[in-house]
């Protein structure tokens, strides 16, 4: 018995050291990449503080143009993720980053609403595949019992990037050089980091655990075995391997995939309905551009803590769906209270902090739901489908609030509609997890 105890402790030590090494190698770097991606996605909200008047864009035109990013994203998301599955994350993520950096920098040269629409659409095309590609990539490296925390560690880039965008973008908007307007300089300078990081990706990322020369032989063997057992368990729940394109296409019309896409549509409607308009909501209280940057950072600082705590508890309980539903309820309540407080600066910042914390906290447990029942190419296609269809909520949310702003002169009604959508999503979510409760969950593998 004593010998067995020693062996068990050795196994636990091997598991812990392996996962710690993998986590530190991959998660901070991927978080950095997503931070840069998200800055380039949302910086248009800060550019609008001066760009809208320079280009004579109405609120509806700005909301529609900002949201066109998601249309390009929608069209190219699934093909991009399937290419990543075939050629590997290292090459494809590098390509994605370099191309989106070039398009983001090119936004500096828009001259009206048509060129604004075109560049926002092309930015979505360029970035398509990055987020679902990384979500898929994490499933190659982390057993199921770790994925809630790891996904949160990656997705914490969203609130971090929002804080960075608020500070850096508003500072860059103070600059005037080279005969360019302040928002043009901002787009140019924020387009450079992803281009440079694309070349770093080629150096640092490893496609699969079997290729990880930075792990010891024992660590690599343990991880390969762990991931094989997770893959086999997922394929068994799904009824076998995905042998061809027909299996992949059938996974896209699986009712579970479509329900997840609908749910994600609601989440992105809530997120981007706030994200792109928050600087202008805060600016409406008479703050300077620098002041807007400081105040806009507050809700996202709150969201950082909420994401980590919510994801850790989600891993502990294993009930992903209820954690998504609970976070949606919190977000919905925050938006309702923000809409009712729209004339009061302190109230709207406080309640939008609650809303953003809820929307952000829902995302990590949400992205653990698809891999509960899919693996391989099916998972690659389904994750991309969920993300691409769901991200159309970004087009809907930003356009909705822009239209309501033009019609009513305020943001309260738009926030109220977003709150209703999130509440409906909260009601629909628990059913997603019920079928998984009857499935046996594989234990983390150990050597004997």
Protein backbone atom coordinates (compact mmCIF):
# COMPACT_ATOMS: atom_id res chain seq x y z
CA UNK A 1 0.00 0.00 0.00
CA UNK A 2 2.83 2.31 0.79
CA UNK A 3 4.31 1.75 -2.66
CA UNK A 4 0.96 2.51 -4.31
CA UNK A 5 0.75 5.74 -2.33
CA UNK A 6 4.17 6.82 -3.53
CA UNK A 7 3.25 5.99 -7.11
CA UNK A 8 0.05 8.02 -6.82
CA UNK A 9 1.96 11.01 -5.47
CA UNK A 10 4.43 10.70 -8.34
CA UNK A 11 1.58 10.66 -10.86
CA UNK A 12 -0.01 13.74 -9.33
CA UNK A 13 3.34 15.49 -9.41
CA UNK A 14 3.83 14.61 -13.09
CA UNK A 15 0.34 15.86 -13.95
CA UNK A 16 0.74 19.08 -12.01
CA UNK A 17 4.19 19.88 -13.35
CA UNK A 18 3.15 19.08 -16.93
CA UNK A 19 0.01 21.20 -16.86
CA UNK A 20 1.77 24.05 -15.10
CA UNK A 21 4.50 24.06 -17.74
CA UNK A 22 2.00 23.93 -20.61
CA UNK A 23 -0.17 26.63 -19.08
CA UNK A 24 2.72 29.05 -18.58
CA UNK A 25 4.07 28.35 -22.05
CA UNK A 26 0.81 28.86 -23.94
CA UNK A 27 -1.83 30.81 -22.02
CA UNK A 28 -0.04 34.14 -21.38
CA UNK A 29 1.15 34.30 -24.99
CA UNK A 30 -2.28 33.46 -26.42
CA UNK A 31 -3.80 36.00 -24.04
CA UNK A 32 -1.40 38.61 -25.43
CA UNK A 33 -2.42 37.74 -29.01
CA UNK A 34 -6.12 38.03 -28.20
CA UNK A 35 -5.53 41.28 -26.34
CA UNK A 36 -3.97 42.77 -29.47
CA UNK A 37 -6.77 41.33 -31.62
CA UNK A 38 -9.49 42.76 -29.43
CA UNK A 39 -7.85 46.19 -29.28
CA UNK A 40 -7.93 46.33 -33.08
CA UNK A 41 -11.53 45.12 -33.08
CA UNK A 42 -12.93 47.70 -30.64
CA UNK A 43 -10.63 50.71 -31.11
CA UNK A 44 -13.13 52.06 -33.63
CA UNK A 45 -15.32 52.94 -30.64
CA UNK A 46 -12.66 55.36 -29.40
CA UNK A 47 -11.82 56.61 -32.90
CA UNK A 48 -15.50 57.57 -33.21
CA UNK A 49 -15.01 60.30 -30.60
CA UNK A 50 -13.56 62.41 -33.41
CA UNK A 51 -13.86 60.24 -36.54
CA UNK A 52 -17.65 60.42 -36.71
CA UNK A 53 -17.65 64.20 -37.07
CA UNK A 54 -14.67 64.19 -39.47
CA UNK A 55 -16.39 61.68 -41.79
CA UNK A 56 -19.93 62.98 -41.09
CA UNK A 57 -21.20 59.57 -39.97
CA UNK A 58 -24.60 59.32 -38.31
CA UNK A 59 -25.04 57.05 -35.29
CA UNK A 60 -26.80 54.50 -37.50
CA UNK A 61 -24.02 54.57 -40.10
CA UNK A 62 -21.34 54.17 -37.45
CA UNK A 63 -23.19 51.33 -35.71
CA UNK A 64 -23.74 49.48 -38.98
CA UNK A 65 -20.15 50.00 -40.14
CA UNK A 66 -18.65 48.93 -36.83
CA UNK A 67 -20.84 45.82 -36.93
CA UNK A 68 -19.88 44.87 -40.51
CA UNK A 69 -16.74 43.36 -38.98
CA UNK A 70 -18.95 40.48 -37.86
CA UNK A 71 -20.40 39.87 -41.31
CA UNK A 72 -16.93 39.27 -42.79
CA UNK A 73 -16.15 37.17 -39.74
CA UNK A 74 -19.32 35.11 -40.26
CA UNK A 75 -18.66 34.30 -43.91
CA UNK A 76 -15.05 33.15 -43.52
CA UNK A 77 -15.02 31.68 -40.01
CA UNK A 78 -15.73 28.02 -40.78
CA UNK A 79 -13.37 27.74 -43.80
CA UNK A 80 -10.64 29.45 -41.79
CA UNK A 81 -10.97 27.07 -38.84
CA UNK A 82 -10.97 24.01 -41.09
CA UNK A 83 -7.77 25.26 -42.74
CA UNK A 84 -6.24 25.71 -39.27
CA UNK A 85 -7.21 22.13 -38.41
CA UNK A 86 -5.42 20.93 -41.56
CA UNK A 87 -2.26 23.08 -41.64
CA UNK A 88 -1.79 23.63 -37.90
CA UNK A 89 -2.30 26.56 -35.53
CA UNK A 90 1.22 27.95 -35.81
CA UNK A 91 1.10 28.80 -39.53
CA UNK A 92 -2.54 29.82 -39.66
CA UNK A 93 -2.63 32.03 -36.56
CA UNK A 94 0.50 33.81 -37.84
CA UNK A 95 -1.26 34.45 -41.18
CA UNK A 96 -4.38 35.71 -39.43
CA UNK A 97 -2.44 38.17 -37.27
CA UNK A 98 -0.35 39.64 -40.05
CA UNK A 99 -3.33 40.14 -42.35
CA UNK A 100 -5.55 41.72 -39.71
CA UNK A 101 -2.73 44.07 -38.66
CA UNK A 102 -2.40 45.29 -42.24
CA UNK A 103 -6.16 45.86 -42.61
CA UNK A 104 -6.41 47.55 -39.22
CA UNK A 105 -3.61 49.95 -40.13
CA UNK A 106 -5.30 50.56 -43.49
CA UNK A 107 -8.42 51.85 -41.68
CA UNK A 108 -6.44 55.05 -41.16
CA UNK A 109 -7.08 55.95 -44.79
CA UNK A 110 -10.87 55.70 -44.95
CA UNK A 111 -12.55 58.81 -46.38
CA UNK A 112 -16.27 58.20 -45.94
CA UNK A 113 -18.93 55.69 -44.99
CA UNK A 114 -18.33 53.39 -47.99
CA UNK A 115 -14.62 52.95 -47.31
CA UNK A 116 -15.42 52.61 -43.59
CA UNK A 117 -17.86 49.80 -44.37
CA UNK A 118 -15.34 48.09 -46.68
CA UNK A 119 -12.43 48.13 -44.22
CA UNK A 120 -14.54 46.93 -41.31
CA UNK A 121 -15.81 44.03 -43.42
CA UNK A 122 -12.25 43.17 -44.52
CA UNK A 123 -11.04 43.29 -40.91
CA UNK A 124 -13.60 40.61 -40.08
CA UNK A 125 -12.43 38.53 -43.06
CA UNK A 126 -8.80 38.85 -41.96
CA UNK A 127 -9.46 37.95 -38.31
CA UNK A 128 -11.86 35.08 -39.06
CA UNK A 129 -10.65 31.86 -37.51
CA UNK A 130 -8.45 33.35 -34.81
CA UNK A 131 -10.72 32.99 -31.78
CA UNK A 132 -12.30 29.59 -32.61
CA UNK A 133 -8.88 28.42 -33.76
CA UNK A 134 -7.39 29.17 -30.36
CA UNK A 135 -10.36 27.56 -28.56
CA UNK A 136 -9.79 24.42 -30.66
CA UNK A 137 -6.02 24.63 -30.08
CA UNK A 138 -6.53 24.67 -26.31
CA UNK A 139 -8.44 21.38 -26.57
CA UNK A 140 -5.27 19.81 -27.99
CA UNK A 141 -3.28 20.73 -24.90
CA UNK A 142 -5.59 20.74 -21.86
CA UNK A 143 -7.72 17.86 -20.52
CA UNK A 144 -11.39 18.62 -19.96
CA UNK A 145 -11.03 19.17 -16.20
CA UNK A 146 -8.67 22.13 -16.83
CA UNK A 147 -10.45 23.88 -19.68
CA UNK A 148 -12.70 26.25 -17.72
CA UNK A 149 -9.78 27.95 -15.99
CA UNK A 150 -7.57 27.84 -19.08
CA UNK A 151 -10.27 29.28 -21.34
CA UNK A 152 -10.85 32.05 -18.78
CA UNK A 153 -7.09 32.69 -18.67
CA UNK A 154 -7.17 33.17 -22.44
CA UNK A 155 -10.45 35.09 -22.59
CA UNK A 156 -9.45 37.43 -19.80
CA UNK A 157 -7.78 39.20 -22.70
CA UNK A 158 -11.19 40.72 -23.53
CA UNK A 159 -11.49 42.93 -20.43
CA UNK A 160 -7.71 43.44 -20.33
CA UNK A 161 -7.70 44.63 -23.94
CA UNK A 162 -10.68 46.88 -23.24
CA UNK A 163 -8.73 48.53 -20.41
CA UNK A 164 -5.65 48.85 -22.64
CA UNK A 165 -7.69 50.17 -25.56
CA UNK A 166 -9.31 52.75 -23.31
CA UNK A 167 -5.96 54.03 -22.05
CA UNK A 168 -3.77 53.70 -25.16
CA UNK A 169 -6.38 54.75 -27.72
CA UNK A 170 -7.40 57.88 -25.83
CA UNK A 171 -3.73 58.81 -25.38
CA UNK A 172 -3.06 58.31 -29.10
CA UNK A 173 -6.05 60.52 -29.87
CA UNK A 174 -4.07 63.39 -28.36
CA UNK A 175 -1.44 63.12 -31.12
CA UNK A 176 -1.21 65.05 -34.37
CA UNK A 177 1.68 64.29 -36.75
CA UNK A 178 2.56 63.63 -40.39
CA UNK A 179 -0.46 65.66 -41.48
CA UNK A 180 -2.78 62.90 -40.20
CA UNK A 181 -5.76 63.25 -37.93
CA UNK A 182 -5.58 61.79 -34.42
CA UNK A 183 -7.79 58.78 -35.19
CA UNK A 184 -5.71 58.00 -38.29
CA UNK A 185 -2.53 57.86 -36.20
CA UNK A 186 -4.31 55.64 -33.70
CA UNK A 187 -5.27 53.07 -36.36
CA UNK A 188 -1.77 53.10 -37.86
CA UNK A 189 0.05 52.62 -34.58
CA UNK A 190 -2.32 49.97 -33.24
CA UNK A 191 -2.03 47.99 -36.48
CA UNK A 192 1.71 47.40 -36.05
CA UNK A 193 1.76 45.02 -33.00
CA UNK A 194 -0.24 42.17 -34.60
CA UNK A 195 2.03 42.21 -37.65
CA UNK A 196 5.14 41.85 -35.47
CA UNK A 197 3.52 39.23 -33.21
CA UNK A 198 2.55 37.17 -36.26
CA UNK A 199 6.23 36.44 -36.83
CA UNK A 200 6.71 35.64 -33.13
CA UNK A 201 3.91 33.04 -33.41
CA UNK A 202 5.95 31.17 -36.03
CA UNK A 203 8.76 30.90 -33.50
CA UNK A 204 6.92 30.11 -30.26
CA UNK A 205 3.78 28.04 -30.95
CA UNK A 206 3.87 24.24 -31.16
CA UNK A 207 1.04 22.53 -33.03
CA UNK A 208 0.56 19.38 -30.92
CA UNK A 209 1.80 17.90 -27.62
CA UNK A 210 3.68 15.15 -29.48
CA UNK A 211 5.86 17.87 -31.03
CA UNK A 212 6.60 19.70 -27.75
CA UNK A 213 10.39 19.48 -27.42
CA UNK A 214 10.12 21.83 -24.42
CA UNK A 215 8.44 19.04 -22.39
CA UNK A 216 10.37 16.11 -20.93
CA UNK A 217 9.72 12.65 -22.36
CA UNK A 218 7.61 11.71 -19.32
CA UNK A 219 5.60 14.94 -19.46
CA UNK A 220 5.01 14.62 -23.19
CA UNK A 221 3.91 10.98 -22.87
CA UNK A 222 1.51 11.77 -20.04
CA UNK A 223 -0.05 14.66 -21.96
CA UNK A 224 -0.43 12.71 -25.21
CA UNK A 225 -2.16 9.90 -23.30
CA UNK A 226 -4.41 12.36 -21.44
CA UNK A 227 -5.51 14.08 -24.63
CA UNK A 228 -6.07 10.76 -26.42
CA UNK A 229 -8.40 9.62 -23.66
CA UNK A 230 -10.38 12.88 -23.82
CA UNK A 231 -10.64 12.59 -27.60
CA UNK A 232 -11.76 8.95 -27.48
CA UNK A 233 -14.37 9.77 -24.82
CA UNK A 234 -15.76 12.66 -26.91
CA UNK A 235 -15.89 10.50 -30.04
CA UNK A 236 -17.64 7.72 -28.10
CA UNK A 237 -20.31 10.14 -26.86
CA UNK A 238 -20.77 11.35 -30.44
CA UNK A 239 -20.93 7.83 -31.88
CA UNK A 240 -17.53 7.42 -33.53
CA UNK A 241 -14.88 9.27 -35.46
CA UNK A 242 -15.63 11.93 -38.07
CA UNK A 243 -14.55 10.03 -41.19
CA UNK A 244 -15.39 12.56 -43.87
CA UNK A 245 -16.73 15.92 -44.92
CA UNK A 246 -20.31 14.64 -44.62
CA UNK A 247 -19.83 14.03 -40.90
CA UNK A 248 -18.43 17.52 -40.49
CA UNK A 249 -21.33 19.12 -42.37
CA UNK A 250 -23.88 17.14 -40.38
CA UNK A 251 -22.35 18.44 -37.17
CA UNK A 252 -23.15 21.99 -38.34
CA UNK A 253 -26.88 21.29 -38.39
CA UNK A 254 -26.82 19.38 -35.11
CA UNK A 255 -29.54 20.96 -32.93
CA UNK A 256 -27.06 21.27 -30.05
CA UNK A 257 -24.70 23.32 -32.24
CA UNK A 258 -27.53 25.54 -33.47
CA UNK A 259 -28.75 26.16 -29.92
CA UNK A 260 -25.24 27.12 -28.85
CA UNK A 261 -25.00 29.48 -31.83
CA UNK A 262 -28.29 31.11 -30.80
CA UNK A 263 -27.06 31.48 -27.25
CA UNK A 264 -23.81 33.02 -28.40
CA UNK A 265 -25.76 35.43 -30.60
CA UNK A 266 -27.43 36.72 -27.45
CA UNK A 267 -24.11 37.01 -25.60
CA UNK A 268 -22.44 38.96 -28.41
CA UNK A 269 -25.46 41.22 -28.80
CA UNK A 270 -25.07 42.15 -25.15
CA UNK A 271 -21.29 42.50 -25.26
CA UNK A 272 -20.85 44.58 -28.40
CA UNK A 273 -23.99 46.58 -27.82
CA UNK A 274 -22.03 48.04 -24.93
CA UNK A 275 -18.45 47.68 -26.20
CA UNK A 276 -18.56 49.92 -29.28
CA UNK A 277 -20.83 52.54 -27.74
CA UNK A 278 -19.49 52.83 -24.20
CA UNK A 279 -16.93 55.58 -25.02
CA UNK A 280 -19.69 57.71 -26.56
CA UNK A 281 -22.09 57.00 -23.67
CA UNK A 282 -19.44 58.20 -21.21
CA UNK A 283 -18.44 61.13 -23.45
CA UNK A 284 -22.05 62.31 -23.26
CA UNK A 285 -21.49 63.25 -19.60
CA UNK A 286 -19.06 65.97 -20.66
CA UNK A 287 -15.76 64.26 -19.87
CA UNK A 288 -12.54 64.91 -21.76
CA UNK A 289 -11.14 62.21 -24.06
CA UNK A 290 -8.61 61.21 -21.38
CA UNK A 291 -11.38 61.16 -18.78
CA UNK A 292 -13.42 58.86 -21.02
CA UNK A 293 -10.47 56.46 -21.18
CA UNK A 294 -10.18 56.33 -17.40
CA UNK A 295 -13.89 55.81 -16.74
CA UNK A 296 -14.33 53.23 -19.51
CA UNK A 297 -11.59 51.11 -17.87
CA UNK A 298 -13.60 50.66 -14.64
CA UNK A 299 -16.18 48.09 -15.85
CA UNK A 300 -13.51 45.96 -17.49
CA UNK A 301 -11.33 45.93 -14.40
CA UNK A 302 -14.33 44.51 -12.53
CA UNK A 303 -14.85 41.95 -15.30
CA UNK A 304 -11.30 40.57 -14.98
CA UNK A 305 -11.94 39.36 -11.45
CA UNK A 306 -15.45 38.10 -12.24
CA UNK A 307 -14.24 35.95 -15.17
CA UNK A 308 -11.54 34.21 -13.15
CA UNK A 309 -13.72 33.52 -10.12
CA UNK A 310 -16.69 32.34 -12.19
CA UNK A 311 -14.54 30.02 -14.32
CA UNK A 312 -12.84 28.48 -11.28
CA UNK A 313 -16.22 27.69 -9.72
CA UNK A 314 -17.44 26.33 -13.07
CA UNK A 315 -14.50 23.89 -13.13
CA UNK A 316 -15.18 22.90 -9.54
CA UNK A 317 -18.85 22.06 -10.10
CA UNK A 318 -18.58 20.92 -13.73
CA UNK A 319 -21.98 22.50 -14.51
CA UNK A 320 -21.12 24.81 -17.42
CA UNK A 321 -24.68 25.54 -18.62
CA UNK A 322 -25.98 26.83 -15.29
CA UNK A 323 -22.95 29.08 -14.93
CA UNK A 324 -23.67 30.58 -18.35
CA UNK A 325 -27.33 31.11 -17.40
CA UNK A 326 -26.48 32.71 -14.06
CA UNK A 327 -24.00 35.11 -15.64
CA UNK A 328 -26.58 36.08 -18.31
CA UNK A 329 -29.12 36.88 -15.57
CA UNK A 330 -26.59 39.13 -13.83
CA UNK A 331 -25.77 40.88 -17.13
CA UNK A 332 -29.45 41.38 -17.94
CA UNK A 333 -30.15 42.92 -14.54
CA UNK A 334 -27.17 45.23 -14.91
CA UNK A 335 -28.37 46.46 -18.30
CA UNK A 336 -31.89 47.12 -17.05
CA UNK A 337 -30.56 49.14 -14.11
CA UNK A 338 -28.13 50.99 -16.43
CA UNK A 339 -31.01 51.90 -18.75
CA UNK A 340 -33.01 53.23 -15.79
CA UNK A 341 -29.95 55.20 -14.63
CA UNK A 342 -28.97 56.54 -18.05
CA UNK A 343 -29.13 60.18 -16.88
CA UNK A 344 -26.87 59.58 -13.88
CA UNK A 345 -23.11 59.11 -14.55
CA UNK A 346 -22.29 57.15 -11.38
CA UNK A 347 -25.31 54.88 -11.74
CA UNK A 348 -24.68 54.03 -15.38
CA UNK A 349 -20.99 53.25 -14.77
CA UNK A 350 -21.86 51.10 -11.74
CA UNK A 351 -24.60 49.10 -13.45
CA UNK A 352 -22.77 48.76 -16.77
CA UNK A 353 -19.90 47.32 -14.70
CA UNK A 354 -22.33 44.66 -13.45
CA UNK A 355 -23.60 44.02 -16.99
CA UNK A 356 -20.13 43.70 -18.50
CA UNK A 357 -18.94 41.48 -15.65
CA UNK A 358 -21.89 39.16 -16.29
CA UNK A 359 -21.43 38.98 -20.07
CA UNK A 360 -17.69 38.37 -19.70
CA UNK A 361 -18.12 35.71 -16.99
CA UNK A 362 -20.53 33.74 -19.19
CA UNK A 363 -18.04 33.26 -22.01
CA UNK A 364 -15.43 30.83 -20.56
CA UNK A 365 -17.96 28.21 -19.36
CA UNK A 366 -19.87 28.67 -22.61
CA UNK A 367 -16.87 27.68 -24.72
CA UNK A 368 -16.49 24.45 -22.77
CA UNK A 369 -19.94 23.29 -23.90
CA UNK A 370 -19.16 22.36 -27.57
CA UNK A 371 -16.28 20.06 -26.66
CA UNK A 372 -18.56 18.14 -24.29
CA UNK A 373 -19.95 16.30 -27.32
CA UNK A 374 -17.65 16.99 -30.30
CA UNK A 375 -14.04 16.22 -31.24
CA UNK A 376 -11.69 16.41 -34.24
CA UNK A 377 -12.83 18.11 -37.42
CA UNK A 378 -16.40 18.15 -36.14
CA UNK A 379 -15.27 20.27 -33.20
CA UNK A 380 -13.25 22.56 -35.49
CA UNK A 381 -16.23 23.17 -37.77
CA UNK A 382 -18.82 23.42 -34.98
CA UNK A 383 -16.80 25.85 -32.85
CA UNK A 384 -16.29 28.04 -35.91
CA UNK A 385 -20.00 27.82 -36.80
CA UNK A 386 -21.08 28.74 -33.27
CA UNK A 387 -18.65 31.65 -33.19
CA UNK A 388 -19.47 32.93 -36.68
CA UNK A 389 -23.27 32.72 -36.36
CA UNK A 390 -23.15 33.99 -32.79
CA UNK A 391 -20.95 36.92 -33.71
CA UNK A 392 -23.66 38.24 -35.99
CA UNK A 393 -25.03 39.46 -32.67
CA UNK A 394 -22.21 42.00 -32.80
CA UNK A 395 -23.63 43.40 -36.05
CA UNK A 396 -27.15 43.32 -34.60
CA UNK A 397 -26.19 44.83 -31.22
CA UNK A 398 -24.12 47.73 -32.56
CA UNK A 399 -26.64 48.51 -35.33
CA UNK A 400 -29.56 48.31 -32.91
CA UNK A 401 -28.12 50.78 -30.44
CA UNK A 402 -27.05 53.13 -33.25
CA UNK A 403 -30.55 53.07 -34.74
CA UNK A 404 -32.23 53.56 -31.36
CA UNK A 405 -29.81 56.41 -30.60
CA UNK A 406 -30.83 58.20 -33.83
CA UNK A 407 -34.53 57.63 -33.16
CA UNK A 408 -34.69 58.48 -29.46
CA UNK A 409 -31.61 60.61 -28.83
CA UNK A 410 -30.43 58.27 -26.06
CA UNK A 411 -29.11 54.80 -25.27
CA UNK A 412 -31.63 53.63 -22.65
CA UNK A 413 -34.01 51.76 -24.97
CA UNK A 414 -31.16 49.98 -26.74
CA UNK A 415 -29.75 48.79 -23.41
CA UNK A 416 -33.22 47.62 -22.38
CA UNK A 417 -33.64 45.53 -25.54
CA UNK A 418 -30.19 43.97 -25.02
CA UNK A 419 -31.22 43.12 -21.44
CA UNK A 420 -34.32 41.27 -22.65
CA UNK A 421 -32.24 39.27 -25.15
CA UNK A 422 -29.78 38.23 -22.44
CA UNK A 423 -32.58 37.22 -20.09
CA UNK A 424 -34.15 35.02 -22.78
CA UNK A 425 -30.73 33.40 -23.33
CA UNK A 426 -30.51 32.71 -19.59
CA UNK A 427 -33.87 30.89 -19.72
CA UNK A 428 -32.80 28.76 -22.69
CA UNK A 429 -29.33 27.79 -21.45
CA UNK A 430 -29.91 25.20 -18.68
CA UNK A 431 -31.43 22.72 -21.14
CA UNK A 432 -28.09 22.59 -22.97
CA UNK A 433 -26.40 20.88 -20.05
CA UNK A 434 -29.08 18.33 -19.15
CA UNK A 435 -28.13 15.69 -21.71
CA UNK A 436 -24.49 15.81 -20.65
CA UNK A 437 -25.34 14.95 -17.04
CA UNK A 438 -26.28 11.44 -18.13
CA UNK A 439 -22.94 10.94 -19.88
CA UNK A 440 -20.04 9.45 -17.94
CA UNK A 441 -17.28 11.97 -17.56
CA UNK A 442 -13.79 10.59 -18.17
CA UNK A 443 -11.35 10.86 -15.30
CA UNK A 444 -8.02 12.51 -15.83
CA UNK A 445 -5.71 9.66 -16.94
CA UNK A 446 -2.87 8.41 -14.78
CA UNK A 447 0.05 6.10 -15.39
CA UNK A 448 0.14 2.83 -13.53
